[in-house]
């Protein structure tokens, strides 16, 4: 009898976990940079005014976040000096 209750409880936990995961996926992630911040980051990067690290420090985010917000279609990779 106890095993039946334990199995039912486990099934409820799994169902609730799956519902929570589906709900979180539907909400999606909130972008770390606003549209204005992303535009400014793109402009600073394109004008070569700041490095990616400096831009990241301005917005208190990691470099990978800045790279994620840069427009890959019009961003030209920098050449070493």
C-alpha atoms as a PDB file:
ATOM      1  CA  UNK A   1       0.000   0.000   0.000  1.00  0.00           C
ATOM      2  CA  UNK A   2       2.822   2.371   0.837  1.00  0.00           C
ATOM      3  CA  UNK A   3       4.525   1.651  -2.472  1.00  0.00           C
ATOM      4  CA  UNK A   4       1.354   2.650  -4.327  1.00  0.00           C
ATOM      5  CA  UNK A   5       1.269   5.969  -2.467  1.00  0.00           C
ATOM      6  CA  UNK A   6       4.971   6.549  -3.100  1.00  0.00           C
ATOM      7  CA  UNK A   7       4.497   5.861  -6.812  1.00  0.00           C
ATOM      8  CA  UNK A   8       1.537   8.244  -6.977  1.00  0.00           C
ATOM      9  CA  UNK A   9       3.524  10.936  -5.196  1.00  0.00           C
ATOM     10  CA  UNK A  10       6.429  10.468  -7.614  1.00  0.00           C
ATOM     11  CA  UNK A  11       4.088  10.746 -10.606  1.00  0.00           C
ATOM     12  CA  UNK A  12       2.677  13.995  -9.187  1.00  0.00           C
ATOM     13  CA  UNK A  13       6.173  15.416  -8.708  1.00  0.00           C
ATOM     14  CA  UNK A  14       7.169  14.512 -12.266  1.00  0.00           C
ATOM     15  CA  UNK A  15       3.951  16.010 -13.682  1.00  0.00           C
ATOM     16  CA  UNK A  16       4.388  19.251 -11.711  1.00  0.00           C
ATOM     17  CA  UNK A  17       8.043  19.512 -12.747  1.00  0.00           C
ATOM     18  CA  UNK A  18       7.155  19.047 -16.413  1.00  0.00           C
ATOM     19  CA  UNK A  19       4.381  21.661 -16.144  1.00  0.00           C
ATOM     20  CA  UNK A  20       6.815  24.124 -14.573  1.00  0.00           C
ATOM     21  CA  UNK A  21       9.423  23.532 -17.259  1.00  0.00           C
ATOM     22  CA  UNK A  22       6.847  24.001 -20.030  1.00  0.00           C
ATOM     23  CA  UNK A  23       5.662  27.232 -18.432  1.00  0.00           C
ATOM     24  CA  UNK A  24       9.231  28.558 -18.150  1.00  0.00           C
ATOM     25  CA  UNK A  25       9.954  27.681 -21.785  1.00  0.00           C
ATOM     26  CA  UNK A  26       6.803  29.506 -22.893  1.00  0.00           C
ATOM     27  CA  UNK A  27       7.860  32.652 -21.024  1.00  0.00           C
ATOM     28  CA  UNK A  28      11.343  32.622 -22.528  1.00  0.00           C
ATOM     29  CA  UNK A  29      14.319  34.588 -21.305  1.00  0.00           C
ATOM     30  CA  UNK A  30      14.353  38.289 -20.672  1.00  0.00           C
ATOM     31  CA  UNK A  31      17.156  39.979 -22.631  1.00  0.00           C
ATOM     32  CA  UNK A  32      19.935  41.318 -20.409  1.00  0.00           C
ATOM     33  CA  UNK A  33      20.315  44.467 -22.541  1.00  0.00           C
ATOM     34  CA  UNK A  34      17.435  46.688 -23.579  1.00  0.00           C
ATOM     35  CA  UNK A  35      17.003  47.564 -27.242  1.00  0.00           C
ATOM     36  CA  UNK A  36      18.577  50.984 -26.632  1.00  0.00           C
ATOM     37  CA  UNK A  37      21.549  49.457 -24.835  1.00  0.00           C
ATOM     38  CA  UNK A  38      22.047  46.898 -27.603  1.00  0.00           C
ATOM     39  CA  UNK A  39      21.928  49.663 -30.216  1.00  0.00           C
ATOM     40  CA  UNK A  40      24.473  51.722 -28.270  1.00  0.00           C
ATOM     41  CA  UNK A  41      26.719  48.683 -27.870  1.00  0.00           C
ATOM     42  CA  UNK A  42      26.548  48.037 -31.620  1.00  0.00           C
ATOM     43  CA  UNK A  43      27.366  51.673 -32.375  1.00  0.00           C
ATOM     44  CA  UNK A  44      30.317  51.753 -29.964  1.00  0.00           C
ATOM     45  CA  UNK A  45      31.636  48.493 -31.392  1.00  0.00           C
ATOM     46  CA  UNK A  46      31.230  49.580 -35.023  1.00  0.00           C
ATOM     47  CA  UNK A  47      32.862  52.967 -34.403  1.00  0.00           C
ATOM     48  CA  UNK A  48      35.727  51.213 -32.611  1.00  0.00           C
ATOM     49  CA  UNK A  49      35.310  53.560 -29.666  1.00  0.00           C
ATOM     50  CA  UNK A  50      35.289  50.772 -27.076  1.00  0.00           C
ATOM     51  CA  UNK A  51      36.357  47.168 -26.875  1.00  0.00           C
ATOM     52  CA  UNK A  52      33.834  44.458 -26.156  1.00  0.00           C
ATOM     53  CA  UNK A  53      35.171  44.194 -22.604  1.00  0.00           C
ATOM     54  CA  UNK A  54      34.718  47.943 -22.060  1.00  0.00           C
ATOM     55  CA  UNK A  55      31.167  47.784 -23.410  1.00  0.00           C
ATOM     56  CA  UNK A  56      30.423  44.815 -21.146  1.00  0.00           C
ATOM     57  CA  UNK A  57      31.784  46.718 -18.159  1.00  0.00           C
ATOM     58  CA  UNK A  58      29.568  49.708 -19.017  1.00  0.00           C
ATOM     59  CA  UNK A  59      26.432  47.552 -18.797  1.00  0.00           C
ATOM     60  CA  UNK A  60      27.665  45.196 -16.045  1.00  0.00           C
ATOM     61  CA  UNK A  61      27.260  42.095 -18.211  1.00  0.00           C
ATOM     62  CA  UNK A  62      29.719  39.451 -19.441  1.00  0.00           C
ATOM     63  CA  UNK A  63      31.397  39.788 -22.845  1.00  0.00           C
ATOM     64  CA  UNK A  64      29.374  36.851 -24.165  1.00  0.00           C
ATOM     65  CA  UNK A  65      26.175  38.849 -23.591  1.00  0.00           C
ATOM     66  CA  UNK A  66      27.528  41.751 -25.641  1.00  0.00           C
ATOM     67  CA  UNK A  67      28.562  39.374 -28.426  1.00  0.00           C
ATOM     68  CA  UNK A  68      25.075  37.850 -28.333  1.00  0.00           C
ATOM     69  CA  UNK A  69      23.467  41.268 -28.881  1.00  0.00           C
ATOM     70  CA  UNK A  70      25.783  42.385 -31.713  1.00  0.00           C
ATOM     71  CA  UNK A  71      24.243  42.127 -35.172  1.00  0.00           C
ATOM     72  CA  UNK A  72      26.132  39.299 -36.816  1.00  0.00           C
ATOM     73  CA  UNK A  73      25.078  40.351 -40.320  1.00  0.00           C
ATOM     74  CA  UNK A  74      26.684  43.783 -40.211  1.00  0.00           C
ATOM     75  CA  UNK A  75      29.370  43.306 -37.577  1.00  0.00           C
ATOM     76  CA  UNK A  76      32.831  43.085 -39.100  1.00  0.00           C
ATOM     77  CA  UNK A  77      35.377  41.147 -37.041  1.00  0.00           C
ATOM     78  CA  UNK A  78      38.206  43.303 -35.818  1.00  0.00           C
ATOM     79  CA  UNK A  79      41.654  42.777 -37.220  1.00  0.00           C
ATOM     80  CA  UNK A  80      44.625  42.702 -34.859  1.00  0.00           C
ATOM     81  CA  UNK A  81      46.769  45.815 -34.937  1.00  0.00           C
END
